[in-house]
């Protein structure tokens, strides 16, 4: 995946992260980040240049990326790490 796609995916993730934290802070929302981000499937399809991306696949990619970031205990930004993971993994079969 190109750096442009990684940048676009990161931008979407960062926007949604702010919205997600704002929503969880002021409401009793019962959804994790991946589930919340699934509502923006259209933005991810555009950012990833993948019109066939499904919500289930997106949520799976996000959860796996977030879990890998946690497991690595990286000091790097989780949004940068997950955007790179999602962009690289979007064309592989992860199940």
C-alpha atoms as a PDB file:
ATOM      1  CA  UNK A   1       0.000   0.000   0.000  1.00  0.00           C
ATOM      2  CA  UNK A   2       1.186   3.472  -0.728  1.00  0.00           C
ATOM      3  CA  UNK A   3       2.083   6.060   1.861  1.00  0.00           C
ATOM      4  CA  UNK A   4      -0.868   8.092   0.603  1.00  0.00           C
ATOM      5  CA  UNK A   5      -3.307   5.314   1.528  1.00  0.00           C
ATOM      6  CA  UNK A   6      -1.657   4.900   4.957  1.00  0.00           C
ATOM      7  CA  UNK A   7      -1.971   8.645   5.514  1.00  0.00           C
ATOM      8  CA  UNK A   8      -5.626   8.673   4.454  1.00  0.00           C
ATOM      9  CA  UNK A   9      -6.458   5.681   6.669  1.00  0.00           C
ATOM     10  CA  UNK A  10      -4.669   7.302   9.607  1.00  0.00           C
ATOM     11  CA  UNK A  11      -6.644  10.498   9.077  1.00  0.00           C
ATOM     12  CA  UNK A  12      -9.940   8.580   9.228  1.00  0.00           C
ATOM     13  CA  UNK A  13      -8.792   6.644  12.321  1.00  0.00           C
ATOM     14  CA  UNK A  14      -7.750   9.837  14.119  1.00  0.00           C
ATOM     15  CA  UNK A  15     -11.034  11.592  13.335  1.00  0.00           C
ATOM     16  CA  UNK A  16     -13.025   8.620  14.561  1.00  0.00           C
ATOM     17  CA  UNK A  17     -10.856   8.246  17.666  1.00  0.00           C
ATOM     18  CA  UNK A  18     -11.773  11.763  18.729  1.00  0.00           C
ATOM     19  CA  UNK A  19     -15.467  11.120  18.049  1.00  0.00           C
ATOM     20  CA  UNK A  20     -15.337   7.749  19.816  1.00  0.00           C
ATOM     21  CA  UNK A  21     -13.756   9.158  22.967  1.00  0.00           C
ATOM     22  CA  UNK A  22     -16.187  12.065  22.981  1.00  0.00           C
ATOM     23  CA  UNK A  23     -19.128   9.680  22.665  1.00  0.00           C
ATOM     24  CA  UNK A  24     -17.952   7.273  25.347  1.00  0.00           C
ATOM     25  CA  UNK A  25     -17.230  10.111  27.733  1.00  0.00           C
ATOM     26  CA  UNK A  26     -20.746  11.533  27.559  1.00  0.00           C
ATOM     27  CA  UNK A  27     -22.917   8.498  26.927  1.00  0.00           C
ATOM     28  CA  UNK A  28     -23.236   4.901  27.953  1.00  0.00           C
ATOM     29  CA  UNK A  29     -22.210   3.644  24.530  1.00  0.00           C
ATOM     30  CA  UNK A  30     -21.648  -0.095  24.520  1.00  0.00           C
ATOM     31  CA  UNK A  31     -19.219  -0.455  21.598  1.00  0.00           C
ATOM     32  CA  UNK A  32     -15.495  -0.849  21.208  1.00  0.00           C
ATOM     33  CA  UNK A  33     -13.513   1.359  18.831  1.00  0.00           C
ATOM     34  CA  UNK A  34     -13.680  -1.127  15.967  1.00  0.00           C
ATOM     35  CA  UNK A  35     -17.453  -1.414  16.232  1.00  0.00           C
ATOM     36  CA  UNK A  36     -17.810   2.361  16.382  1.00  0.00           C
ATOM     37  CA  UNK A  37     -15.445   2.808  13.421  1.00  0.00           C
ATOM     38  CA  UNK A  38     -17.530   0.348  11.405  1.00  0.00           C
ATOM     39  CA  UNK A  39     -20.189   3.030  11.140  1.00  0.00           C
ATOM     40  CA  UNK A  40     -17.755   4.965   8.928  1.00  0.00           C
ATOM     41  CA  UNK A  41     -17.286   2.121   6.453  1.00  0.00           C
ATOM     42  CA  UNK A  42     -17.706   4.512   3.522  1.00  0.00           C
ATOM     43  CA  UNK A  43     -14.813   6.671   4.684  1.00  0.00           C
ATOM     44  CA  UNK A  44     -12.597   3.606   5.064  1.00  0.00           C
ATOM     45  CA  UNK A  45     -13.571   2.300   1.616  1.00  0.00           C
ATOM     46  CA  UNK A  46     -12.515   5.634   0.140  1.00  0.00           C
ATOM     47  CA  UNK A  47      -9.303   5.924   2.182  1.00  0.00           C
ATOM     48  CA  UNK A  48      -8.288   2.339   1.386  1.00  0.00           C
ATOM     49  CA  UNK A  49      -9.416   2.520  -2.257  1.00  0.00           C
ATOM     50  CA  UNK A  50     -11.401  -0.663  -1.606  1.00  0.00           C
ATOM     51  CA  UNK A  51     -15.076  -0.376  -2.598  1.00  0.00           C
ATOM     52  CA  UNK A  52     -15.684  -4.009  -1.590  1.00  0.00           C
ATOM     53  CA  UNK A  53     -14.486  -3.612   2.011  1.00  0.00           C
ATOM     54  CA  UNK A  54     -17.090  -4.969   4.408  1.00  0.00           C
ATOM     55  CA  UNK A  55     -17.825  -3.692   7.876  1.00  0.00           C
ATOM     56  CA  UNK A  56     -16.949  -7.094   9.360  1.00  0.00           C
ATOM     57  CA  UNK A  57     -13.575  -7.135   7.612  1.00  0.00           C
ATOM     58  CA  UNK A  58     -12.829  -3.576   8.681  1.00  0.00           C
ATOM     59  CA  UNK A  59     -13.672  -4.329  12.306  1.00  0.00           C
ATOM     60  CA  UNK A  60     -11.491  -7.453  12.197  1.00  0.00           C
ATOM     61  CA  UNK A  61      -8.546  -5.516  10.762  1.00  0.00           C
ATOM     62  CA  UNK A  62      -8.905  -2.762  13.355  1.00  0.00           C
ATOM     63  CA  UNK A  63      -9.163  -5.172  16.287  1.00  0.00           C
ATOM     64  CA  UNK A  64      -6.150  -7.161  15.116  1.00  0.00           C
ATOM     65  CA  UNK A  65      -4.119  -3.995  14.598  1.00  0.00           C
ATOM     66  CA  UNK A  66      -5.060  -2.621  18.016  1.00  0.00           C
ATOM     67  CA  UNK A  67      -4.205  -5.951  19.678  1.00  0.00           C
ATOM     68  CA  UNK A  68      -0.839  -6.121  17.899  1.00  0.00           C
ATOM     69  CA  UNK A  69      -0.030  -2.593  19.034  1.00  0.00           C
ATOM     70  CA  UNK A  70      -0.894  -3.502  22.638  1.00  0.00           C
ATOM     71  CA  UNK A  71       1.127  -6.723  22.470  1.00  0.00           C
ATOM     72  CA  UNK A  72       4.196  -4.898  21.156  1.00  0.00           C
ATOM     73  CA  UNK A  73       3.849  -2.266  23.888  1.00  0.00           C
ATOM     74  CA  UNK A  74       4.998   0.324  21.386  1.00  0.00           C
ATOM     75  CA  UNK A  75       5.731   3.891  22.325  1.00  0.00           C
ATOM     76  CA  UNK A  76       4.543   4.943  18.880  1.00  0.00           C
ATOM     77  CA  UNK A  77       1.125   6.393  18.246  1.00  0.00           C
ATOM     78  CA  UNK A  78      -1.491   3.646  18.099  1.00  0.00           C
ATOM     79  CA  UNK A  79      -3.253   5.445  15.261  1.00  0.00           C
ATOM     80  CA  UNK A  80      -0.099   5.443  13.140  1.00  0.00           C
ATOM     81  CA  UNK A  81       0.590   1.773  13.930  1.00  0.00           C
ATOM     82  CA  UNK A  82      -2.986   0.630  13.271  1.00  0.00           C
ATOM     83  CA  UNK A  83      -3.292   2.677  10.073  1.00  0.00           C
ATOM     84  CA  UNK A  84      -0.147   1.031   8.742  1.00  0.00           C
ATOM     85  CA  UNK A  85      -1.373  -2.411   9.820  1.00  0.00           C
ATOM     86  CA  UNK A  86      -4.807  -1.923   8.250  1.00  0.00           C
ATOM     87  CA  UNK A  87      -3.387  -0.549   5.003  1.00  0.00           C
ATOM     88  CA  UNK A  88      -0.878  -3.412   4.682  1.00  0.00           C
ATOM     89  CA  UNK A  89      -3.389  -6.087   5.656  1.00  0.00           C
ATOM     90  CA  UNK A  90      -6.283  -4.911   3.560  1.00  0.00           C
ATOM     91  CA  UNK A  91      -5.302  -7.058   0.569  1.00  0.00           C
ATOM     92  CA  UNK A  92      -4.539 -10.244   2.512  1.00  0.00           C
ATOM     93  CA  UNK A  93      -6.864 -12.912   3.793  1.00  0.00           C
ATOM     94  CA  UNK A  94      -7.155 -12.406   7.540  1.00  0.00           C
ATOM     95  CA  UNK A  95      -9.841 -14.491   9.153  1.00  0.00           C
END
